[in-house]
Amino acid sequence: MGRFSDPRSPAGGGRFTDPGGWAISRIKPVVAWYDLWMGFYWDREKHRLYVMVLPCLGFYVEFDYVKPPVENSSGCRDTVGSKRKE
């Protein structure tokens, strides 16, 4: 089975299973008169990628780390939340 299928699902696959890692949590527009630059900026503390397509106008992509699902004692898969501190 490939990465995009789960052998334990009823149809034998078709459901995306993420083994854990970085996932996009939100994308928001940015309009800031003081940002007179174009390009990319990675904010390490907030895990955001800022993309300014025009001076003062752009968007950011926020990433969260998702832990891989674990099996509990009954054999069911539980998903564990984000490690991010709010």
C-alpha atoms as a PDB file:
ATOM      1  CA  MET A   1       0.000   0.000   0.000  1.00  0.00           C
ATOM      2  CA  GLY A   2       1.143   3.525  -0.714  1.00  0.00           C
ATOM      3  CA  ARG A   3       1.377   6.587   1.421  1.00  0.00           C
ATOM      4  CA  PHE A   4      -2.153   7.696   0.481  1.00  0.00           C
ATOM      5  CA  SER A   5      -3.991   4.552   1.545  1.00  0.00           C
ATOM      6  CA  ASP A   6      -4.814   3.002   4.881  1.00  0.00           C
ATOM      7  CA  PRO A   7      -5.077  -0.804   4.872  1.00  0.00           C
ATOM      8  CA  ARG A   8      -7.305  -0.666   7.986  1.00  0.00           C
ATOM      9  CA  SER A   9     -10.001   1.477   6.335  1.00  0.00           C
ATOM     10  CA  PRO A  10     -13.178  -0.365   5.219  1.00  0.00           C
ATOM     11  CA  ALA A  11     -12.430  -0.069   1.485  1.00  0.00           C
ATOM     12  CA  GLY A  12      -8.776  -0.969   1.925  1.00  0.00           C
ATOM     13  CA  GLY A  13      -7.521   2.504   1.086  1.00  0.00           C
ATOM     14  CA  GLY A  14      -8.491   5.830  -0.340  1.00  0.00           C
ATOM     15  CA  ARG A  15      -8.064   7.810   2.879  1.00  0.00           C
ATOM     16  CA  PHE A  16      -5.020  10.059   3.271  1.00  0.00           C
ATOM     17  CA  THR A  17      -2.986   9.168   6.318  1.00  0.00           C
ATOM     18  CA  ASP A  18      -0.356  11.645   7.378  1.00  0.00           C
ATOM     19  CA  PRO A  19       2.504  10.008   9.255  1.00  0.00           C
ATOM     20  CA  GLY A  20       3.155  13.301  11.035  1.00  0.00           C
ATOM     21  CA  GLY A  21       5.169  16.361  10.230  1.00  0.00           C
ATOM     22  CA  TRP A  22       4.542  19.940   9.203  1.00  0.00           C
ATOM     23  CA  ALA A  23       1.076  20.804   7.910  1.00  0.00           C
ATOM     24  CA  ILE A  24      -0.446  24.080   6.716  1.00  0.00           C
ATOM     25  CA  SER A  25      -2.846  25.356   9.346  1.00  0.00           C
ATOM     26  CA  ARG A  26      -3.942  28.667   7.775  1.00  0.00           C
ATOM     27  CA  ILE A  27      -3.317  31.143   4.994  1.00  0.00           C
ATOM     28  CA  LYS A  28      -4.138  34.821   5.563  1.00  0.00           C
ATOM     29  CA  PRO A  29      -3.678  38.010   3.547  1.00  0.00           C
ATOM     30  CA  VAL A  30      -1.360  40.748   4.795  1.00  0.00           C
ATOM     31  CA  VAL A  31      -1.729  44.478   4.104  1.00  0.00           C
ATOM     32  CA  ALA A  32       0.869  46.549   5.938  1.00  0.00           C
ATOM     33  CA  TRP A  33       1.937  50.038   4.913  1.00  0.00           C
ATOM     34  CA  TYR A  34       5.295  49.636   6.687  1.00  0.00           C
ATOM     35  CA  ASP A  35       6.319  46.484   4.744  1.00  0.00           C
ATOM     36  CA  LEU A  36       7.982  47.990   1.669  1.00  0.00           C
ATOM     37  CA  TRP A  37       9.599  44.805   0.426  1.00  0.00           C
ATOM     38  CA  MET A  38       8.901  41.967  -1.985  1.00  0.00           C
ATOM     39  CA  GLY A  39       9.900  38.346  -1.515  1.00  0.00           C
ATOM     40  CA  PHE A  40       9.797  35.643   1.169  1.00  0.00           C
ATOM     41  CA  TYR A  41      10.451  35.718   4.913  1.00  0.00           C
ATOM     42  CA  TRP A  42      10.414  32.755   7.344  1.00  0.00           C
ATOM     43  CA  ASP A  43       9.391  33.608  10.938  1.00  0.00           C
ATOM     44  CA  ARG A  44      10.953  30.859  13.075  1.00  0.00           C
ATOM     45  CA  GLU A  45       9.063  31.631  16.286  1.00  0.00           C
ATOM     46  CA  LYS A  46       5.571  31.695  14.758  1.00  0.00           C
ATOM     47  CA  HIS A  47       6.285  29.081  12.030  1.00  0.00           C
ATOM     48  CA  ARG A  48       5.013  31.392   9.285  1.00  0.00           C
ATOM     49  CA  LEU A  49       6.153  31.948   5.728  1.00  0.00           C
ATOM     50  CA  TYR A  50       5.435  35.517   4.613  1.00  0.00           C
ATOM     51  CA  VAL A  51       5.133  36.097   0.870  1.00  0.00           C
ATOM     52  CA  MET A  52       4.971  39.725  -0.277  1.00  0.00           C
ATOM     53  CA  VAL A  53       3.938  39.810  -3.941  1.00  0.00           C
ATOM     54  CA  LEU A  54       3.851  43.628  -4.061  1.00  0.00           C
ATOM     55  CA  PRO A  55       5.194  46.198  -1.608  1.00  0.00           C
ATOM     56  CA  CYS A  56       2.739  46.341   1.349  1.00  0.00           C
ATOM     57  CA  LEU A  57       0.591  43.500  -0.061  1.00  0.00           C
ATOM     58  CA  GLY A  58       0.981  39.757   0.424  1.00  0.00           C
ATOM     59  CA  PHE A  59      -0.048  36.760   2.504  1.00  0.00           C
ATOM     60  CA  TYR A  60       1.353  34.366   5.056  1.00  0.00           C
ATOM     61  CA  VAL A  61       1.179  30.603   5.392  1.00  0.00           C
ATOM     62  CA  GLU A  62       1.194  29.265   8.954  1.00  0.00           C
ATOM     63  CA  PHE A  63       2.482  25.759   9.695  1.00  0.00           C
ATOM     64  CA  ASP A  64       1.787  23.461  12.661  1.00  0.00           C
ATOM     65  CA  TYR A  65       3.653  20.312  13.588  1.00  0.00           C
ATOM     66  CA  VAL A  66       1.281  17.347  13.704  1.00  0.00           C
ATOM     67  CA  LYS A  67       2.362  14.260  15.590  1.00  0.00           C
ATOM     68  CA  PRO A  68       1.750  10.904  13.899  1.00  0.00           C
ATOM     69  CA  PRO A  69      -1.345   8.961  14.933  1.00  0.00           C
ATOM     70  CA  VAL A  70      -0.850   6.306  17.594  1.00  0.00           C
ATOM     71  CA  GLU A  71      -2.748   3.127  18.311  1.00  0.00           C
ATOM     72  CA  ASN A  72      -4.364   2.825  21.729  1.00  0.00           C
ATOM     73  CA  SER A  73      -4.838  -0.446  23.622  1.00  0.00           C
ATOM     74  CA  SER A  74      -8.053  -1.300  21.735  1.00  0.00           C
ATOM     75  CA  GLY A  75      -6.304  -1.086  18.349  1.00  0.00           C
ATOM     76  CA  CYS A  76      -8.028   2.149  17.320  1.00  0.00           C
ATOM     77  CA  ARG A  77      -6.001   5.063  16.014  1.00  0.00           C
ATOM     78  CA  ASP A  78      -6.010   8.262  18.032  1.00  0.00           C
ATOM     79  CA  THR A  79      -4.618  11.486  16.662  1.00  0.00           C
ATOM     80  CA  VAL A  80      -2.404  13.509  18.924  1.00  0.00           C
ATOM     81  CA  GLY A  81      -2.718  17.308  18.814  1.00  0.00           C
ATOM     82  CA  SER A  82      -0.218  19.950  17.835  1.00  0.00           C
ATOM     83  CA  LYS A  83       2.902  20.641  19.882  1.00  0.00           C
ATOM     84  CA  ARG A  84       2.473  24.381  19.331  1.00  0.00           C
ATOM     85  CA  LYS A  85       2.004  26.548  22.418  1.00  0.00           C
ATOM     86  CA  GLU A  86      -0.613  29.265  22.115  1.00  0.00           C
END
